[in-house]
Amino acid sequence: MKIFVDTGGWTALFNRKDKYHPRAVKLWKELLANKASIYTTNYIIDETITLVRKRAGFHPSVKAGEKIFESKIISRITVNEALEKAAWKVYKKYEDKDFSFTDCTSFAVMEQNKIKNAFAFDEHFTQVWSFDPS
């Protein structure tokens, strides 16, 4: 199974104070046990390290970065110009939603890589695809 990890998923996993932390740890263990193919982007890593630092402190943010950067099982996709263009199309398509541009880059990556599932605690993912992020 392919799964995209969003900022909310990473943040819940690395911030023990996050309300979704217990659920995130459980889901992460299930993903590892099922040998899921795990994807994320440079945009998401940027957001994650920044958000973990803001909410949990410097040391947890360093731990989050090290775990992601050193992982052999996480496929890190670089959002390049082509993905930005695809994301811009997604962004313009959903005037009625409050998607961030980063959300749209994630949607473009998921579409391009045929990823139907996300490890996210963000309702934006359910507004574009018909799956439950939990």
Protein backbone atom coordinates (compact mmCIF):
# COMPACT_ATOMS: atom_id res chain seq x y z
CA MET A 1 0.00 0.00 0.00
CA LYS A 2 1.18 3.52 -0.84
CA ILE A 3 0.60 6.25 1.71
CA PHE A 4 1.37 9.95 1.71
CA VAL A 5 2.39 11.45 5.06
CA ASP A 6 1.18 15.01 5.54
CA THR A 7 2.43 17.59 8.05
CA GLY A 8 -0.39 16.73 10.46
CA GLY A 9 0.62 13.07 10.47
CA TRP A 10 4.28 13.83 11.10
CA THR A 11 3.52 16.48 13.71
CA ALA A 12 1.22 14.15 15.63
CA LEU A 13 3.86 11.44 15.49
CA PHE A 14 6.71 13.64 16.81
CA ASN A 15 4.82 15.89 19.24
CA ARG A 16 3.76 13.96 22.34
CA LYS A 17 1.45 16.86 23.28
CA ASP A 18 -0.52 16.62 20.03
CA LYS A 19 -4.08 15.38 20.57
CA TYR A 20 -3.60 12.84 17.76
CA HIS A 21 -0.25 11.51 19.05
CA PRO A 22 -1.53 8.16 20.41
CA ARG A 23 -3.46 7.51 17.21
CA ALA A 24 -0.49 8.56 15.07
CA VAL A 25 1.87 6.17 16.88
CA LYS A 26 -0.61 3.31 16.44
CA LEU A 27 -1.09 4.06 12.73
CA TRP A 28 2.66 4.41 12.16
CA LYS A 29 3.30 1.00 13.73
CA GLU A 30 0.61 -0.51 11.49
CA LEU A 31 2.18 1.08 8.40
CA LEU A 32 5.58 -0.32 9.32
CA ALA A 33 4.16 -3.77 10.08
CA ASN A 34 2.37 -3.80 6.72
CA LYS A 35 5.51 -2.59 4.90
CA ALA A 36 3.64 0.34 3.39
CA SER A 37 5.39 2.48 0.79
CA ILE A 38 5.70 5.84 2.54
CA TYR A 39 5.92 9.14 0.66
CA THR A 40 6.32 12.75 1.69
CA THR A 41 7.71 15.93 0.13
CA ASN A 42 10.32 18.55 0.86
CA TYR A 43 7.48 21.05 1.42
CA ILE A 44 5.93 18.77 4.05
CA ILE A 45 9.28 18.19 5.78
CA ASP A 46 9.80 21.97 5.94
CA GLU A 47 6.35 22.50 7.47
CA THR A 48 6.81 19.60 9.89
CA ILE A 49 10.15 20.70 11.33
CA THR A 50 8.87 24.27 11.68
CA LEU A 51 5.57 23.24 13.29
CA VAL A 52 7.14 20.73 15.69
CA ARG A 53 9.59 23.40 16.82
CA LYS A 54 6.78 25.89 17.35
CA ARG A 55 4.56 23.47 19.27
CA ALA A 56 7.00 21.13 21.02
CA GLY A 57 10.39 22.85 21.00
CA PHE A 58 13.76 22.73 19.31
CA HIS A 59 14.89 19.25 20.40
CA PRO A 60 11.74 17.44 19.22
CA SER A 61 12.02 19.29 15.88
CA VAL A 62 15.61 18.10 15.47
CA LYS A 63 14.53 14.54 16.32
CA ALA A 64 11.72 14.77 13.74
CA GLY A 65 14.11 16.02 11.06
CA GLU A 66 16.70 13.35 11.83
CA LYS A 67 14.13 10.55 11.78
CA ILE A 68 12.74 11.69 8.42
CA PHE A 69 16.07 12.51 6.75
CA GLU A 70 17.81 9.35 7.97
CA SER A 71 14.96 6.96 7.20
CA LYS A 72 15.55 4.32 4.56
CA ILE A 73 11.82 3.62 4.15
CA ILE A 74 10.52 7.12 3.40
CA SER A 75 10.49 8.23 -0.22
CA ARG A 76 11.10 11.99 -0.22
CA ILE A 77 9.74 13.69 -3.31
CA THR A 78 11.10 17.09 -4.25
CA VAL A 79 8.43 19.53 -5.32
CA ASN A 80 9.92 20.82 -8.57
CA GLU A 81 8.63 23.25 -11.18
CA ALA A 82 6.41 20.67 -12.87
CA LEU A 83 4.76 19.73 -9.58
CA GLU A 84 4.33 23.40 -8.72
CA LYS A 85 2.50 23.91 -12.01
CA ALA A 86 0.26 20.92 -11.33
CA ALA A 87 -0.37 22.20 -7.79
CA TRP A 88 -1.26 25.64 -9.14
CA LYS A 89 -3.94 24.04 -11.32
CA VAL A 90 -5.34 22.25 -8.28
CA TYR A 91 -5.23 25.46 -6.26
CA LYS A 92 -7.19 27.42 -8.88
CA LYS A 93 -9.73 24.59 -9.27
CA TYR A 94 -10.90 24.76 -5.65
CA GLU A 95 -11.94 28.35 -5.05
CA ASP A 96 -14.48 27.18 -2.48
CA LYS A 97 -11.85 25.45 -0.29
CA ASP A 98 -9.21 26.99 1.94
CA PHE A 99 -6.37 24.74 0.75
CA SER A 100 -2.85 25.98 1.28
CA PHE A 101 -0.53 25.84 -1.70
CA THR A 102 1.42 23.17 0.17
CA ASP A 103 -1.78 21.09 0.39
CA CYS A 104 -2.11 21.42 -3.38
CA THR A 105 1.48 20.26 -3.94
CA SER A 106 0.65 17.20 -1.84
CA PHE A 107 -2.47 16.52 -3.89
CA ALA A 108 -0.45 16.83 -7.11
CA VAL A 109 2.18 14.40 -5.78
CA MET A 110 -0.51 11.95 -4.73
CA GLU A 111 -2.18 12.14 -8.11
CA GLN A 112 1.08 11.78 -10.03
CA ASN A 113 2.17 8.78 -7.94
CA LYS A 114 -1.30 7.18 -7.77
CA ILE A 115 -1.38 7.43 -3.97
CA LYS A 116 -4.92 7.06 -2.66
CA ASN A 117 -4.27 7.16 1.09
CA ALA A 118 -2.84 9.79 3.40
CA PHE A 119 -1.58 9.73 6.95
CA ALA A 120 -3.15 13.05 7.83
CA PHE A 121 -5.41 14.58 10.41
CA ASP A 122 -6.49 17.30 8.03
CA GLU A 123 -9.98 17.52 6.55
CA HIS A 124 -8.52 18.96 3.35
CA PHE A 125 -7.48 15.50 2.23
CA THR A 126 -11.03 14.18 2.48
CA GLN A 127 -12.32 17.16 0.49
CA VAL A 128 -10.31 16.12 -2.57
CA TRP A 129 -10.31 12.32 -2.28
CA SER A 130 -12.99 10.11 -0.86
CA PHE A 131 -10.95 8.38 1.79
CA ASP A 132 -10.81 8.76 5.54
CA PRO A 133 -7.42 10.07 6.74
CA SER A 134 -7.82 8.25 10.03
